[in-house]
Protein backbone atom coordinates (compact mmCIF):
# COMPACT_ATOMS: atom_id res chain seq x y z
CA PHE A 1 35.80 -46.93 12.78
CA TRP A 2 33.15 -44.67 11.28
CA GLY A 3 34.03 -42.55 8.28
CA ASN A 4 33.20 -38.86 8.03
CA TRP A 5 29.61 -37.77 7.45
CA ALA A 6 28.78 -37.18 3.80
CA SER A 7 27.29 -33.87 2.73
CA CYS A 8 23.69 -33.24 3.67
CA ASP A 9 21.23 -34.41 1.01
CA SER A 10 18.94 -31.38 0.49
CA SER A 11 16.18 -33.49 -1.04
CA SER A 12 15.82 -35.80 1.96
CA GLY A 13 17.33 -33.71 4.75
CA THR A 14 19.64 -36.54 5.76
CA LYS A 15 23.33 -37.37 5.82
CA LYS A 16 25.13 -40.71 5.87
CA ARG A 17 28.35 -42.27 7.04
CA THR A 18 29.78 -45.75 6.69
CA ARG A 19 32.24 -48.16 8.30
CA LEU A 20 33.93 -51.26 7.00
CA CYS A 21 34.34 -54.64 8.60
CA ILE A 22 38.10 -54.67 8.07
CA ASN A 23 39.61 -54.23 11.48
CA PRO A 24 40.30 -57.13 11.15
CA PHE A 25 38.67 -58.95 8.23
CA PRO A 26 36.77 -62.06 9.25
CA GLN A 27 38.98 -65.03 8.35
CA ASN A 28 38.85 -68.83 8.42
CA GLY A 29 35.10 -68.95 9.12
CA GLY A 30 35.14 -66.13 11.64
CA ALA A 31 31.89 -64.16 12.17
CA LEU A 32 31.09 -60.97 10.31
CA CYS A 33 30.97 -57.73 12.23
CA ALA A 34 27.80 -57.20 14.23
CA GLY A 35 25.70 -54.09 13.55
CA ASN A 36 25.14 -51.89 10.50
CA GLY A 37 27.79 -50.78 8.11
CA HIS A 38 26.11 -47.40 7.63
CA GLU A 39 23.95 -44.99 9.57
CA VAL A 40 21.69 -42.05 8.62
CA ALA A 41 21.00 -38.86 10.57
CA LYS A 42 18.85 -35.82 9.97
CA CYS A 43 20.57 -32.58 9.00
CA PRO A 44 19.35 -28.97 8.65
CA VAL A 45 18.56 -27.83 5.10
CA ASN A 46 18.42 -24.11 4.36
CA GLY A 47 15.59 -23.04 2.08
CA GLY A 48 16.24 -21.78 -1.44
CA TRP A 49 14.08 -19.76 -3.78
CA SER A 50 12.49 -21.15 -6.90
CA ILE A 51 12.61 -19.01 -10.02
CA TRP A 52 10.05 -16.22 -10.28
CA GLY A 53 6.69 -17.24 -11.71
CA HIS A 54 5.04 -15.50 -14.64
CA TRP A 55 3.53 -12.06 -14.13
CA ALA A 56 -0.18 -12.27 -13.36
CA SER A 57 -2.69 -10.32 -15.39
CA CYS A 58 -2.93 -6.62 -14.65
CA ASP A 59 -5.29 -5.81 -11.77
CA SER A 60 -7.48 -3.01 -13.10
CA SER A 61 -8.43 -1.95 -9.55
CA PHE A 62 -4.85 -1.19 -8.54
CA GLY A 63 -3.01 -0.69 -11.84
CA THR A 64 -0.37 -3.24 -10.85
CA LYS A 65 0.58 -6.81 -11.66
CA LYS A 66 2.25 -9.36 -9.41
CA ARG A 67 4.43 -12.43 -9.53
CA THR A 68 5.54 -14.85 -6.82
CA ARG A 69 8.22 -17.40 -6.03
CA GLN A 70 8.35 -20.26 -3.56
CA CYS A 71 10.88 -21.19 -0.89
CA ASN A 72 11.09 -24.78 -2.12
CA ASN A 73 14.37 -25.09 -4.00
CA PRO A 74 15.02 -26.78 -1.64
CA SER A 75 12.40 -26.51 1.09
CA THR A 76 13.53 -25.70 4.62
CA GLN A 77 14.00 -28.85 6.70
CA ASN A 78 15.14 -29.88 10.19
CA GLY A 79 15.61 -26.39 11.57
CA GLY A 80 17.37 -24.95 8.53
CA ALA A 81 17.13 -21.25 7.72
CA SER A 82 14.19 -19.91 5.74
CA CYS A 83 14.73 -18.05 2.48
CA SER A 84 15.72 -14.42 2.85
CA GLY A 85 14.01 -11.79 0.71
CA ILE A 86 10.48 -11.38 -0.59
CA SER A 87 8.14 -14.00 -2.02
CA GLN A 88 6.03 -11.52 -3.98
CA GLU A 89 6.79 -8.44 -6.04
CA SER A 90 4.65 -6.04 -8.03
CA GLU A 91 5.14 -3.47 -10.72
CA ASN A 92 2.99 -0.94 -12.53
CA CYS A 93 1.01 -2.01 -15.53
CA PRO A 94 1.69 -0.03 -18.71
CA GLY A 95 -0.16 3.27 -18.46
CA CYS A 96 -2.22 4.53 -15.54
CA ARG A 97 -5.49 2.95 -14.52
CA GLU A 98 -8.54 4.89 -13.46
CA LYS A 99 -8.26 6.23 -9.94
CA GLY A 100 -10.67 4.95 -7.35
CA VAL A 101 -11.60 4.67 -3.70
CA ILE A 102 -10.28 1.60 -1.89
CA SER A 103 -12.02 2.24 1.42
CA GLY A 104 -13.54 5.08 3.40
CA ASP A 105 -15.56 5.97 6.49
CA ILE A 106 -18.70 7.93 5.60
CA TYR A 107 -21.58 9.55 7.46
CA THR A 108 -24.95 7.87 6.99
CA ASP A 109 -28.42 8.92 8.08
CA PRO A 110 -31.41 6.71 7.13
CA GLN A 111 -33.68 9.78 7.21
CA LEU A 112 -31.67 11.68 4.60
CA PRO A 113 -31.29 10.74 0.93
CA SER A 114 -27.70 11.88 1.22
CA ASP A 115 -24.60 10.84 -0.66
CA PHE A 116 -21.44 11.69 1.25
CA HIS A 117 -19.15 9.15 -0.43
CA VAL A 118 -15.40 9.67 -0.73
CA ASP A 119 -15.41 9.82 -4.53
CA ASN A 120 -17.29 13.12 -4.28
CA ILE A 121 -13.95 14.79 -3.57
CA PHE A 122 -12.76 13.97 -7.10
CA THR A 123 -14.76 16.95 -8.40
CA HIS A 124 -14.56 20.55 -7.31
CA ASN A 125 -18.15 21.74 -6.87
CA LYS A 126 -17.22 25.23 -5.64
CA GLU A 127 -20.43 25.53 -3.60
CA GLU A 128 -22.29 23.11 -1.36
CA THR A 129 -25.77 23.64 -2.77
CA SER A 130 -27.26 20.30 -1.70
CA TYR A 131 -26.52 17.25 0.42
CA LYS A 132 -24.28 15.90 -2.32
CA GLY A 133 -20.88 16.61 -3.79
CA TYR A 134 -18.73 16.31 -0.68
CA TRP A 135 -17.45 13.73 1.79
CA ILE A 136 -18.13 13.79 5.52
CA ALA A 137 -16.95 11.30 8.11
CA PRO A 138 -19.20 9.77 10.77
CA ASN A 139 -20.00 12.11 13.67
CA GLN A 140 -17.27 12.59 16.25
CA THR A 141 -15.07 9.99 14.54
CA GLN A 142 -11.47 9.94 13.31
CA GLY A 143 -12.54 8.77 9.89
CA SER A 144 -10.19 7.98 7.02
CA PHE A 145 -10.15 7.00 3.37
CA ILE A 146 -7.67 5.36 0.96
CA ILE A 147 -7.40 6.28 -2.72
CA ASN A 148 -5.68 4.37 -5.50
CA LEU A 149 -4.11 6.98 -7.78
CA GLY A 150 -4.03 4.53 -10.69
CA CYS A 151 -0.23 4.22 -10.92
CA GLN A 152 2.88 5.47 -9.17
CA ARG A 153 2.75 9.24 -8.74
CA THR A 154 5.35 11.73 -7.56
CA PHE A 155 3.98 14.91 -6.01
CA ASN A 156 5.13 17.64 -3.65
CA SER A 157 1.94 19.51 -2.72
CA ILE A 158 -1.83 19.12 -2.57
CA ASN A 159 -5.01 21.08 -3.19
CA LEU A 160 -8.07 20.74 -1.02
CA VAL A 161 -11.35 22.40 -0.12
CA ASN A 162 -12.75 21.94 3.40
CA THR A 163 -16.48 21.47 4.05
CA HIS A 164 -19.10 22.89 6.39
CA ASN A 165 -21.98 20.52 5.46
CA HIS A 166 -24.20 22.65 3.24
CA GLY A 167 -26.45 25.11 5.11
CA HIS A 168 -26.01 23.37 8.44
CA ARG A 169 -22.44 24.67 8.85
CA ASP A 170 -22.06 22.21 11.69
CA ARG A 171 -18.72 20.52 10.91
CA SER A 172 -15.27 21.18 9.50
CA THR A 173 -11.96 19.33 9.23
CA LYS A 174 -9.46 20.72 11.73
CA LYS A 175 -6.39 18.46 11.71
CA PHE A 176 -5.49 15.67 9.31
CA ARG A 177 -2.62 13.37 8.35
CA LEU A 178 -1.69 12.37 4.81
CA SER A 179 0.35 9.21 4.03
CA VAL A 180 1.41 7.37 0.87
CA SER A 181 2.45 3.83 0.00
CA GLN A 182 3.89 2.12 -3.08
CA THR A 183 1.59 -0.85 -2.63
CA GLN A 184 -1.10 -1.75 -0.15
CA GLU A 185 1.26 -4.25 1.48
CA GLU A 186 3.98 -1.69 2.27
CA PRO A 187 4.08 0.56 5.34
CA TRP A 188 2.47 3.98 5.07
CA ILE A 189 4.84 6.96 4.98
CA LYS A 190 3.56 10.21 6.47
CA VAL A 191 4.06 13.19 4.15
CA LEU A 192 1.88 15.83 5.79
CA GLU A 193 0.15 16.56 9.08
CA THR A 194 -1.43 19.97 9.43
CA THR A 195 -4.32 22.02 10.82
CA LEU A 196 -6.98 23.89 8.85
CA GLU A 197 -9.03 26.94 9.77
CA ASP A 198 -12.64 26.50 10.85
CA SER A 199 -14.69 26.60 7.65
CA ARG A 200 -18.07 26.78 9.38
CA GLN A 201 -17.98 30.58 9.28
CA GLN A 202 -16.42 30.92 5.83
CA LEU A 203 -18.51 32.08 2.89
CA ASP A 204 -19.29 29.97 -0.15
CA PRO A 205 -17.50 29.06 -2.28
CA LEU A 206 -15.04 27.74 0.27
CA PRO A 207 -11.41 28.54 -0.66
CA LEU A 208 -9.20 26.13 -2.56
CA GLN A 209 -6.07 25.69 -0.41
CA THR A 210 -2.62 24.65 -1.61
CA MET A 211 -0.27 22.95 0.86
CA ASP A 212 3.33 21.84 0.43
CA LEU A 213 4.27 18.40 1.72
CA GLN A 214 7.00 17.79 4.28
CA SER A 215 8.97 16.09 1.51
CA GLU A 216 8.35 14.88 -2.01
CA ALA A 217 5.96 11.93 -1.99
CA GLU A 218 6.00 8.93 -4.29
CA GLY A 219 3.38 6.22 -4.29
CA GLN A 220 0.23 4.81 -5.79
CA PHE A 221 -1.92 4.68 -2.69
CA LEU A 222 -2.87 7.69 -0.61
CA LYS A 223 -4.41 7.66 2.87
CA PHE A 224 -6.21 10.63 4.46
CA GLU A 225 -6.78 10.43 8.21
CA LEU A 226 -9.06 12.86 10.01
CA LEU A 227 -7.50 13.54 13.42
CA GLU A 228 -9.47 16.50 14.82
CA TRP A 229 -12.54 18.49 13.76
CA TYR A 230 -14.71 21.49 14.51
CA GLY A 231 -18.32 20.85 15.52
CA HIS A 232 -19.84 17.45 14.83
CA GLY A 233 -17.07 16.04 12.65
CA GLY A 234 -14.95 16.55 9.57
CA GLY A 235 -14.99 16.07 5.85
CA LEU A 236 -13.77 17.45 2.53
CA GLN A 237 -15.36 18.97 -0.53
CA TYR A 238 -12.37 18.46 -2.83
CA PHE A 239 -8.89 16.93 -2.85
CA GLY A 240 -6.13 16.79 -5.48
CA ILE A 241 -2.38 16.23 -5.73
CA ILE A 242 0.10 18.48 -7.54
CA GLU A 243 2.92 16.77 -9.40
CA PRO A 244 6.08 18.66 -10.38
CA GLU A 245 5.07 20.94 -13.25
CA LEU A 246 1.74 19.11 -13.50
CA LEU A 247 -1.56 19.57 -11.74
CA PHE A 248 -3.13 16.15 -11.35
CA GLU A 249 -6.62 16.84 -10.08
CA LEU A 250 -8.78 13.94 -9.05
CA ASP A 251 -11.38 15.17 -11.51
CA ASN A 252 -13.21 12.62 -13.61
CA ALA A 253 -13.08 14.94 -16.60
CA GLU A 254 -9.32 15.54 -16.49
CA ASP A 255 -7.63 12.15 -16.57
CA ASP A 256 -5.32 13.04 -19.46
CA LEU A 257 -2.92 15.00 -17.20
CA THR A 258 -2.40 17.95 -19.56
CA PRO A 259 0.65 20.01 -18.48
CA LEU A 260 -0.27 23.43 -17.15
CA PRO A 261 1.44 26.66 -18.22
CA PRO A 262 4.09 27.84 -15.74
CA LYS A 263 2.01 30.81 -14.60
CA ILE A 264 -0.80 28.45 -13.59
CA VAL A 265 1.56 26.07 -11.77
CA LEU A 266 2.88 28.98 -9.74
CA ASN A 267 -0.59 30.32 -8.91
CA LEU A 268 -2.58 27.49 -7.39
CA ASN A 269 -4.25 29.38 -4.58
CA VAL A 270 -7.24 30.12 -6.78
CA TYR A 271 -9.29 27.41 -8.43
CA LEU A 272 -9.04 27.57 -12.20
CA ASP A 273 -11.79 26.46 -14.56
């Protein structure tokens, strides 16, 4: 009779069993047993992770580095279970990289030599004296933008200045949503959704507004989504995040993150030179 199946061979995805021609032995010129003395069958092999590969070089665009591993130790075979867990992980590179815009919806008009790019919000211009220095989304559109903060940041409030599009005063952000993520692959976590006053009738310079988040935010990537607007559309003149006991403004001239005196941290409703 057949013996028990041997353990599954993970390299081939097969198992074997044998039987002996001893019941009875052939004797006195009798014939050997007909058929095979062993048989092979497929068996399910669950996948296993290889060791982690080396860390890749630091990506200067995102301020992170990555490494991967493969589900090939052994590979999944014959309906076996796949590896559980992640095949890629990332971590911050030493030090913060320069912040930058990953993507953004912007207003364009071939008849105007305008520059309404998202990176305009990194600097507080105080007054809209020309068709530059602020971001506006396409007309009547729920535009958005994504910013890479350069490394993981923890913050609990934001600063922003609305826009009214220079002398036209024909648009203003009304309602927006703010979300953060640790990496671009992870889900976005909403940290703020709020409504602003109509800035079309406000005098220049438009006020710098400070807003507390729903909860403390931690992440490297920040997404702003324009949900509603006044007039033709929305936009922003300035945007910055406020870290605990630090004011991290998205200002090209202030990347060194110098701690602010307590009296300044507590009084952020007025823009400080």
